[in-house]
Amino acid sequence: MAQLGADVEQLAALSRKFNEVSGQIESMAQQITSQVESAWWQGRDADRFRSEWRSHHSQLKNAAQRLEQEAQRVKKQEQQQRQTSGA
């Protein structure tokens, strides 16, 4: 017989981990951006590098947001599983 469902504690841990890593990504990206922007460096190479970094920073922010969304999705699944199992 097939089993359906989930281990709610594992789902809760997964949701927390997604949120934790999301925060770490955002924090690191901001720290690096601060350093990139404050480094004394002039010229076309500097301008190009900063522009490329802004693109990477944007991608990192998007990844962090996706992790937050997935954390919410997993949390919702956890809550639904708890309700179903408790019923």
PDB file of N, CA and C in Angstrom:
ATOM      1  N   MET A   1       0.840  -1.187   0.000  1.00  0.00           N
ATOM      2  CA  MET A   1       0.000   0.000   0.000  1.00  0.00           C
ATOM      3  C   MET A   1       0.886   1.251   0.000  1.00  0.00           C
ATOM      4  N   ALA A   2       0.573   2.195  -0.854  1.00  0.00           N
ATOM      5  CA  ALA A   2       1.351   3.439  -0.960  1.00  0.00           C
ATOM      6  C   ALA A   2       1.041   4.359   0.210  1.00  0.00           C
ATOM      7  N   GLN A   3       2.062   5.109   0.611  1.00  0.00           N
ATOM      8  CA  GLN A   3       1.881   6.081   1.688  1.00  0.00           C
ATOM      9  C   GLN A   3       1.978   7.482   1.101  1.00  0.00           C
ATOM     10  N   LEU A   4       1.164   8.359   1.650  1.00  0.00           N
ATOM     11  CA  LEU A   4       1.188   9.758   1.241  1.00  0.00           C
ATOM     12  C   LEU A   4       1.409  10.606   2.478  1.00  0.00           C
ATOM     13  N   GLY A   5       1.940  11.796   2.283  1.00  0.00           N
ATOM     14  CA  GLY A   5       2.123  12.699   3.411  1.00  0.00           C
ATOM     15  C   GLY A   5       3.564  13.158   3.506  1.00  0.00           C
ATOM     16  N   ALA A   6       3.884  13.682   4.670  1.00  0.00           N
ATOM     17  CA  ALA A   6       5.226  14.220   4.865  1.00  0.00           C
ATOM     18  C   ALA A   6       5.549  14.238   6.350  1.00  0.00           C
ATOM     19  N   ASP A   7       6.834  14.277   6.641  1.00  0.00           N
ATOM     20  CA  ASP A   7       7.293  14.466   8.005  1.00  0.00           C
ATOM     21  C   ASP A   7       7.269  15.970   8.256  1.00  0.00           C
ATOM     22  N   VAL A   8       6.341  16.414   9.084  1.00  0.00           N
ATOM     23  CA  VAL A   8       6.138  17.855   9.273  1.00  0.00           C
ATOM     24  C   VAL A   8       7.345  18.528   9.905  1.00  0.00           C
ATOM     25  N   GLU A   9       8.082  17.809  10.739  1.00  0.00           N
ATOM     26  CA  GLU A   9       9.282  18.403  11.348  1.00  0.00           C
ATOM     27  C   GLU A   9      10.361  18.635  10.291  1.00  0.00           C
ATOM     28  N   GLN A  10      10.469  17.728   9.351  1.00  0.00           N
ATOM     29  CA  GLN A  10      11.438  17.912   8.270  1.00  0.00           C
ATOM     30  C   GLN A  10      11.028  19.068   7.369  1.00  0.00           C
ATOM     31  N   LEU A  11       9.740  19.207   7.117  1.00  0.00           N
ATOM     32  CA  LEU A  11       9.272  20.340   6.313  1.00  0.00           C
ATOM     33  C   LEU A  11       9.549  21.653   7.035  1.00  0.00           C
ATOM     34  N   ALA A  12       9.319  21.680   8.344  1.00  0.00           N
ATOM     35  CA  ALA A  12       9.580  22.893   9.124  1.00  0.00           C
ATOM     36  C   ALA A  12      11.068  23.241   9.070  1.00  0.00           C
ATOM     37  N   ALA A  13      11.925  22.238   9.201  1.00  0.00           N
ATOM     38  CA  ALA A  13      13.371  22.469   9.137  1.00  0.00           C
ATOM     39  C   ALA A  13      13.785  22.975   7.762  1.00  0.00           C
ATOM     40  N   LEU A  14      13.187  22.419   6.724  1.00  0.00           N
ATOM     41  CA  LEU A  14      13.489  22.850   5.362  1.00  0.00           C
ATOM     42  C   LEU A  14      13.086  24.305   5.150  1.00  0.00           C
ATOM     43  N   SER A  15      11.924  24.665   5.623  1.00  0.00           N
ATOM     44  CA  SER A  15      11.459  26.041   5.501  1.00  0.00           C
ATOM     45  C   SER A  15      12.413  27.000   6.223  1.00  0.00           C
ATOM     46  N   ARG A  16      12.814  26.628   7.435  1.00  0.00           N
ATOM     47  CA  ARG A  16      13.760  27.469   8.186  1.00  0.00           C
ATOM     48  C   ARG A  16      15.086  27.605   7.451  1.00  0.00           C
ATOM     49  N   LYS A  17      15.563  26.513   6.875  1.00  0.00           N
ATOM     50  CA  LYS A  17      16.840  26.539   6.157  1.00  0.00           C
ATOM     51  C   LYS A  17      16.763  27.447   4.933  1.00  0.00           C
ATOM     52  N   PHE A  18      15.662  27.366   4.183  1.00  0.00           N
ATOM     53  CA  PHE A  18      15.490  28.252   3.032  1.00  0.00           C
ATOM     54  C   PHE A  18      15.556  29.720   3.475  1.00  0.00           C
ATOM     55  N   ASN A  19      14.869  30.048   4.565  1.00  0.00           N
ATOM     56  CA  ASN A  19      14.886  31.420   5.062  1.00  0.00           C
ATOM     57  C   ASN A  19      16.273  31.832   5.544  1.00  0.00           C
ATOM     58  N   GLU A  20      16.956  30.922   6.223  1.00  0.00           N
ATOM     59  CA  GLU A  20      18.300  31.201   6.724  1.00  0.00           C
ATOM     60  C   GLU A  20      19.266  31.506   5.572  1.00  0.00           C
ATOM     61  N   VAL A  21      19.263  30.649   4.577  1.00  0.00           N
ATOM     62  CA  VAL A  21      20.173  30.818   3.439  1.00  0.00           C
ATOM     63  C   VAL A  21      19.809  32.070   2.644  1.00  0.00           C
ATOM     64  N   SER A  22      18.534  32.350   2.524  1.00  0.00           N
ATOM     65  CA  SER A  22      18.100  33.568   1.851  1.00  0.00           C
ATOM     66  C   SER A  22      18.703  34.790   2.524  1.00  0.00           C
ATOM     67  N   GLY A  23      18.621  34.838   3.835  1.00  0.00           N
ATOM     68  CA  GLY A  23      19.194  35.958   4.580  1.00  0.00           C
ATOM     69  C   GLY A  23      20.698  36.047   4.418  1.00  0.00           C
ATOM     70  N   GLN A  24      21.360  34.907   4.394  1.00  0.00           N
ATOM     71  CA  GLN A  24      22.810  34.895   4.214  1.00  0.00           C
ATOM     72  C   GLN A  24      23.197  35.439   2.841  1.00  0.00           C
ATOM     73  N   ILE A  25      22.466  35.030   1.827  1.00  0.00           N
ATOM     74  CA  ILE A  25      22.751  35.511   0.474  1.00  0.00           C
ATOM     75  C   ILE A  25      22.575  37.025   0.407  1.00  0.00           C
ATOM     76  N   GLU A  26      21.468  37.515   0.941  1.00  0.00           N
ATOM     77  CA  GLU A  26      21.223  38.961   0.917  1.00  0.00           C
ATOM     78  C   GLU A  26      22.310  39.718   1.667  1.00  0.00           C
ATOM     79  N   SER A  27      22.694  39.213   2.827  1.00  0.00           N
ATOM     80  CA  SER A  27      23.718  39.876   3.639  1.00  0.00           C
ATOM     81  C   SER A  27      25.067  39.905   2.912  1.00  0.00           C
ATOM     82  N   MET A  28      25.475  38.771   2.370  1.00  0.00           N
ATOM     83  CA  MET A  28      26.751  38.718   1.660  1.00  0.00           C
ATOM     84  C   MET A  28      26.745  39.613   0.429  1.00  0.00           C
ATOM     85  N   ALA A  29      25.661  39.590  -0.312  1.00  0.00           N
ATOM     86  CA  ALA A  29      25.576  40.424  -1.511  1.00  0.00           C
ATOM     87  C   ALA A  29      25.684  41.897  -1.140  1.00  0.00           C
ATOM     88  N   GLN A  30      25.041  42.302  -0.053  1.00  0.00           N
ATOM     89  CA  GLN A  30      25.098  43.699   0.367  1.00  0.00           C
ATOM     90  C   GLN A  30      26.501  44.076   0.840  1.00  0.00           C
ATOM     91  N   GLN A  31      27.149  43.181   1.568  1.00  0.00           N
ATOM     92  CA  GLN A  31      28.517  43.445   2.025  1.00  0.00           C
ATOM     93  C   GLN A  31      29.466  43.622   0.847  1.00  0.00           C
ATOM     94  N   ILE A  32      29.353  42.734  -0.124  1.00  0.00           N
ATOM     95  CA  ILE A  32      30.226  42.816  -1.301  1.00  0.00           C
ATOM     96  C   ILE A  32      29.925  44.082  -2.081  1.00  0.00           C
ATOM     97  N   THR A  33      28.654  44.400  -2.260  1.00  0.00           N
ATOM     98  CA  THR A  33      28.276  45.618  -2.981  1.00  0.00           C
ATOM     99  C   THR A  33      28.864  46.847  -2.304  1.00  0.00           C
ATOM    100  N   SER A  34      28.791  46.887  -1.014  1.00  0.00           N
ATOM    101  CA  SER A  34      29.343  48.014  -0.268  1.00  0.00           C
ATOM    102  C   SER A  34      30.840  48.153  -0.531  1.00  0.00           C
ATOM    103  N   GLN A  35      31.536  47.030  -0.534  1.00  0.00           N
ATOM    104  CA  GLN A  35      32.968  47.070  -0.791  1.00  0.00           C
ATOM    105  C   GLN A  35      33.265  47.449  -2.240  1.00  0.00           C
ATOM    106  N   VAL A  36      32.511  46.893  -3.172  1.00  0.00           N
ATOM    107  CA  VAL A  36      32.719  47.209  -4.591  1.00  0.00           C
ATOM    108  C   VAL A  36      32.504  48.696  -4.825  1.00  0.00           C
ATOM    109  N   GLU A  37      31.456  49.246  -4.259  1.00  0.00           N
ATOM    110  CA  GLU A  37      31.140  50.656  -4.479  1.00  0.00           C
ATOM    111  C   GLU A  37      32.110  51.604  -3.773  1.00  0.00           C
ATOM    112  N   SER A  38      32.685  51.175  -2.659  1.00  0.00           N
ATOM    113  CA  SER A  38      33.568  52.077  -1.903  1.00  0.00           C
ATOM    114  C   SER A  38      35.041  51.955  -2.293  1.00  0.00           C
ATOM    115  N   ALA A  39      35.407  50.918  -3.059  1.00  0.00           N
ATOM    116  CA  ALA A  39      36.801  50.749  -3.472  1.00  0.00           C
ATOM    117  C   ALA A  39      37.196  51.868  -4.433  1.00  0.00           C
ATOM    118  N   TRP A  40      38.347  52.467  -4.182  1.00  0.00           N
ATOM    119  CA  TRP A  40      38.821  53.506  -5.089  1.00  0.00           C
ATOM    120  C   TRP A  40      39.349  52.811  -6.326  1.00  0.00           C
ATOM    121  N   TRP A  41      38.634  53.029  -7.433  1.00  0.00           N
ATOM    122  CA  TRP A  41      38.994  52.411  -8.715  1.00  0.00           C
ATOM    123  C   TRP A  41      38.296  53.225  -9.776  1.00  0.00           C
ATOM    124  N   GLN A  42      39.061  53.785 -10.682  1.00  0.00           N
ATOM    125  CA  GLN A  42      38.533  54.667 -11.717  1.00  0.00           C
ATOM    126  C   GLN A  42      38.816  54.093 -13.097  1.00  0.00           C
ATOM    127  N   GLY A  43      37.989  54.445 -14.041  1.00  0.00           N
ATOM    128  CA  GLY A  43      38.232  54.065 -15.425  1.00  0.00           C
ATOM    129  C   GLY A  43      37.171  53.130 -15.976  1.00  0.00           C
ATOM    130  N   ARG A  44      37.367  52.807 -17.261  1.00  0.00           N
ATOM    131  CA  ARG A  44      36.390  51.960 -17.943  1.00  0.00           C
ATOM    132  C   ARG A  44      36.275  50.572 -17.333  1.00  0.00           C
ATOM    133  N   ASP A  45      37.427  50.000 -16.958  1.00  0.00           N
ATOM    134  CA  ASP A  45      37.383  48.669 -16.352  1.00  0.00           C
ATOM    135  C   ASP A  45      36.590  48.700 -15.046  1.00  0.00           C
ATOM    136  N   ALA A  46      36.801  49.722 -14.266  1.00  0.00           N
ATOM    137  CA  ALA A  46      36.066  49.859 -12.999  1.00  0.00           C
ATOM    138  C   ALA A  46      34.576  50.017 -13.259  1.00  0.00           C
ATOM    139  N   ASP A  47      34.247  50.856 -14.218  1.00  0.00           N
ATOM    140  CA  ASP A  47      32.832  51.066 -14.547  1.00  0.00           C
ATOM    141  C   ASP A  47      32.177  49.777 -15.035  1.00  0.00           C
ATOM    142  N   ARG A  48      32.887  49.067 -15.889  1.00  0.00           N
ATOM    143  CA  ARG A  48      32.360  47.808 -16.427  1.00  0.00           C
ATOM    144  C   ARG A  48      32.198  46.779 -15.302  1.00  0.00           C
ATOM    145  N   PHE A  49      33.212  46.699 -14.431  1.00  0.00           N
ATOM    146  CA  PHE A  49      33.149  45.745 -13.329  1.00  0.00           C
ATOM    147  C   PHE A  49      31.963  46.055 -12.415  1.00  0.00           C
ATOM    148  N   ARG A  50      31.795  47.308 -12.051  1.00  0.00           N
ATOM    149  CA  ARG A  50      30.691  47.690 -11.172  1.00  0.00           C
ATOM    150  C   ARG A  50      29.336  47.396 -11.818  1.00  0.00           C
ATOM    151  N   SER A  51      29.254  47.668 -13.099  1.00  0.00           N
ATOM    152  CA  SER A  51      28.013  47.374 -13.815  1.00  0.00           C
ATOM    153  C   SER A  51      27.720  45.876 -13.812  1.00  0.00           C
ATOM    154  N   GLU A  52      28.733  45.084 -14.072  1.00  0.00           N
ATOM    155  CA  GLU A  52      28.553  43.632 -14.050  1.00  0.00           C
ATOM    156  C   GLU A  52      28.194  43.154 -12.646  1.00  0.00           C
ATOM    157  N   TRP A  53      28.839  43.741 -11.632  1.00  0.00           N
ATOM    158  CA  TRP A  53      28.524  43.331 -10.272  1.00  0.00           C
ATOM    159  C   TRP A  53      27.069  43.659  -9.935  1.00  0.00           C
ATOM    160  N   ARG A  54      26.581  44.800 -10.361  1.00  0.00           N
ATOM    161  CA  ARG A  54      25.184  45.154 -10.092  1.00  0.00           C
ATOM    162  C   ARG A  54      24.244  44.101 -10.675  1.00  0.00           C
ATOM    163  N   SER A  55      24.591  43.585 -11.832  1.00  0.00           N
ATOM    164  CA  SER A  55      23.795  42.529 -12.440  1.00  0.00           C
ATOM    165  C   SER A  55      23.852  41.260 -11.580  1.00  0.00           C
ATOM    166  N   HIS A  56      25.041  40.921 -11.122  1.00  0.00           N
ATOM    167  CA  HIS A  56      25.181  39.739 -10.260  1.00  0.00           C
ATOM    168  C   HIS A  56      24.419  39.942  -8.951  1.00  0.00           C
ATOM    169  N   HIS A  57      24.516  41.145  -8.401  1.00  0.00           N
ATOM    170  CA  HIS A  57      23.806  41.453  -7.153  1.00  0.00           C
ATOM    171  C   HIS A  57      22.306  41.273  -7.347  1.00  0.00           C
ATOM    172  N   SER A  58      21.818  41.737  -8.474  1.00  0.00           N
ATOM    173  CA  SER A  58      20.398  41.577  -8.782  1.00  0.00           C
ATOM    174  C   SER A  58      20.023  40.098  -8.859  1.00  0.00           C
ATOM    175  N   GLN A  59      20.868  39.304  -9.476  1.00  0.00           N
ATOM    176  CA  GLN A  59      20.612  37.869  -9.577  1.00  0.00           C
ATOM    177  C   GLN A  59      20.625  37.214  -8.200  1.00  0.00           C
ATOM    178  N   LEU A  60      21.538  37.644  -7.336  1.00  0.00           N
ATOM    179  CA  LEU A  60      21.586  37.098  -5.985  1.00  0.00           C
ATOM    180  C   LEU A  60      20.333  37.471  -5.198  1.00  0.00           C
ATOM    181  N   LYS A  61      19.882  38.718  -5.367  1.00  0.00           N
ATOM    182  CA  LYS A  61      18.655  39.125  -4.691  1.00  0.00           C
ATOM    183  C   LYS A  61      17.469  38.300  -5.172  1.00  0.00           C
ATOM    184  N   ASN A  62      17.427  38.037  -6.471  1.00  0.00           N
ATOM    185  CA  ASN A  62      16.355  37.197  -7.019  1.00  0.00           C
ATOM    186  C   ASN A  62      16.412  35.787  -6.438  1.00  0.00           C
ATOM    187  N   ALA A  63      17.622  35.247  -6.308  1.00  0.00           N
ATOM    188  CA  ALA A  63      17.765  33.905  -5.729  1.00  0.00           C
ATOM    189  C   ALA A  63      17.287  33.905  -4.276  1.00  0.00           C
ATOM    190  N   ALA A  64      17.631  34.933  -3.535  1.00  0.00           N
ATOM    191  CA  ALA A  64      17.198  35.032  -2.139  1.00  0.00           C
ATOM    192  C   ALA A  64      15.674  35.124  -2.056  1.00  0.00           C
ATOM    193  N   GLN A  65      15.079  35.899  -2.936  1.00  0.00           N
ATOM    194  CA  GLN A  65      13.616  36.020  -2.948  1.00  0.00           C
ATOM    195  C   GLN A  65      12.953  34.695  -3.295  1.00  0.00           C
ATOM    196  N   ARG A  66      13.539  33.964  -4.228  1.00  0.00           N
ATOM    197  CA  ARG A  66      12.980  32.651  -4.594  1.00  0.00           C
ATOM    198  C   ARG A  66      13.053  31.692  -3.417  1.00  0.00           C
ATOM    199  N   LEU A  67      14.154  31.736  -2.673  1.00  0.00           N
ATOM    200  CA  LEU A  67      14.267  30.880  -1.499  1.00  0.00           C
ATOM    201  C   LEU A  67      13.204  31.233  -0.461  1.00  0.00           C
ATOM    202  N   GLU A  68      12.950  32.522  -0.288  1.00  0.00           N
ATOM    203  CA  GLU A  68      11.896  32.946   0.640  1.00  0.00           C
ATOM    204  C   GLU A  68      10.530  32.438   0.172  1.00  0.00           C
ATOM    205  N   GLN A  69      10.287  32.511  -1.114  1.00  0.00           N
ATOM    206  CA  GLN A  69       9.019  32.015  -1.657  1.00  0.00           C
ATOM    207  C   GLN A  69       8.883  30.507  -1.430  1.00  0.00           C
ATOM    208  N   GLU A  70       9.964  29.794  -1.658  1.00  0.00           N
ATOM    209  CA  GLU A  70       9.930  28.346  -1.453  1.00  0.00           C
ATOM    210  C   GLU A  70       9.746  28.022   0.023  1.00  0.00           C
ATOM    211  N   ALA A  71      10.345  28.817   0.894  1.00  0.00           N
ATOM    212  CA  ALA A  71      10.162  28.617   2.334  1.00  0.00           C
ATOM    213  C   ALA A  71       8.695  28.758   2.700  1.00  0.00           C
ATOM    214  N   GLN A  72       8.046  29.748   2.135  1.00  0.00           N
ATOM    215  CA  GLN A  72       6.615  29.946   2.402  1.00  0.00           C
ATOM    216  C   GLN A  72       5.791  28.783   1.858  1.00  0.00           C
ATOM    217  N   ARG A  73       6.164  28.311   0.683  1.00  0.00           N
ATOM    218  CA  ARG A  73       5.447  27.198   0.067  1.00  0.00           C
ATOM    219  C   ARG A  73       5.578  25.919   0.905  1.00  0.00           C
ATOM    220  N   VAL A  74       6.792  25.655   1.371  1.00  0.00           N
ATOM    221  CA  VAL A  74       7.025  24.479   2.199  1.00  0.00           C
ATOM    222  C   VAL A  74       6.298  24.623   3.542  1.00  0.00           C
ATOM    223  N   LYS A  75       6.331  25.837   4.105  1.00  0.00           N
ATOM    224  CA  LYS A  75       5.633  26.088   5.363  1.00  0.00           C
ATOM    225  C   LYS A  75       4.136  25.836   5.215  1.00  0.00           C
ATOM    226  N   LYS A  76       3.575  26.257   4.097  1.00  0.00           N
ATOM    227  CA  LYS A  76       2.154  26.026   3.837  1.00  0.00           C
ATOM    228  C   LYS A  76       1.868  24.531   3.749  1.00  0.00           C
ATOM    229  N   GLN A  77       2.737  23.790   3.084  1.00  0.00           N
ATOM    230  CA  GLN A  77       2.571  22.339   2.989  1.00  0.00           C
ATOM    231  C   GLN A  77       2.644  21.699   4.373  1.00  0.00           C
ATOM    232  N   GLU A  78       3.574  22.204   5.180  1.00  0.00           N
ATOM    233  CA  GLU A  78       3.697  21.691   6.547  1.00  0.00           C
ATOM    234  C   GLU A  78       2.394  21.918   7.320  1.00  0.00           C
ATOM    235  N   GLN A  79       1.863  23.118   7.241  1.00  0.00           N
ATOM    236  CA  GLN A  79       0.634  23.444   7.957  1.00  0.00           C
ATOM    237  C   GLN A  79      -0.538  22.593   7.458  1.00  0.00           C
ATOM    238  N   GLN A  80      -0.622  22.417   6.163  1.00  0.00           N
ATOM    239  CA  GLN A  80      -1.689  21.588   5.614  1.00  0.00           C
ATOM    240  C   GLN A  80      -1.554  20.139   6.075  1.00  0.00           C
ATOM    241  N   GLN A  81      -0.324  19.665   6.119  1.00  0.00           N
ATOM    242  CA  GLN A  81      -0.090  18.289   6.569  1.00  0.00           C
ATOM    243  C   GLN A  81      -0.462  18.143   8.043  1.00  0.00           C
ATOM    244  N   ARG A  82      -0.123  19.136   8.841  1.00  0.00           N
ATOM    245  CA  ARG A  82      -0.489  19.088  10.271  1.00  0.00           C
ATOM    246  C   ARG A  82      -2.011  19.065  10.434  1.00  0.00           C
ATOM    247  N   GLN A  83      -2.714  19.894   9.646  1.00  0.00           N
ATOM    248  CA  GLN A  83      -4.174  19.923   9.733  1.00  0.00           C
ATOM    249  C   GLN A  83      -4.765  18.578   9.315  1.00  0.00           C
ATOM    250  N   THR A  84      -4.269  18.034   8.235  1.00  0.00           N
ATOM    251  CA  THR A  84      -4.783  16.769   7.726  1.00  0.00           C
ATOM    252  C   THR A  84      -4.503  15.637   8.716  1.00  0.00           C
ATOM    253  N   SER A  85      -3.311  15.610   9.239  1.00  0.00           N
ATOM    254  CA  SER A  85      -2.932  14.546  10.172  1.00  0.00           C
ATOM    255  C   SER A  85      -3.673  14.676  11.495  1.00  0.00           C
ATOM    256  N   GLY A  86      -3.999  15.904  11.877  1.00  0.00           N
ATOM    257  CA  GLY A  86      -4.700  16.129  13.134  1.00  0.00           C
ATOM    258  C   GLY A  86      -6.176  15.873  13.051  1.00  0.00           C
ATOM    259  N   ALA A  87      -6.693  15.839  11.836  1.00  0.00           N
ATOM    260  CA  ALA A  87      -8.147  15.672  11.660  1.00  0.00           C
ATOM    261  C   ALA A  87      -8.605  14.259  11.878  1.00  0.00           C
TER     262      ALA A  87
END
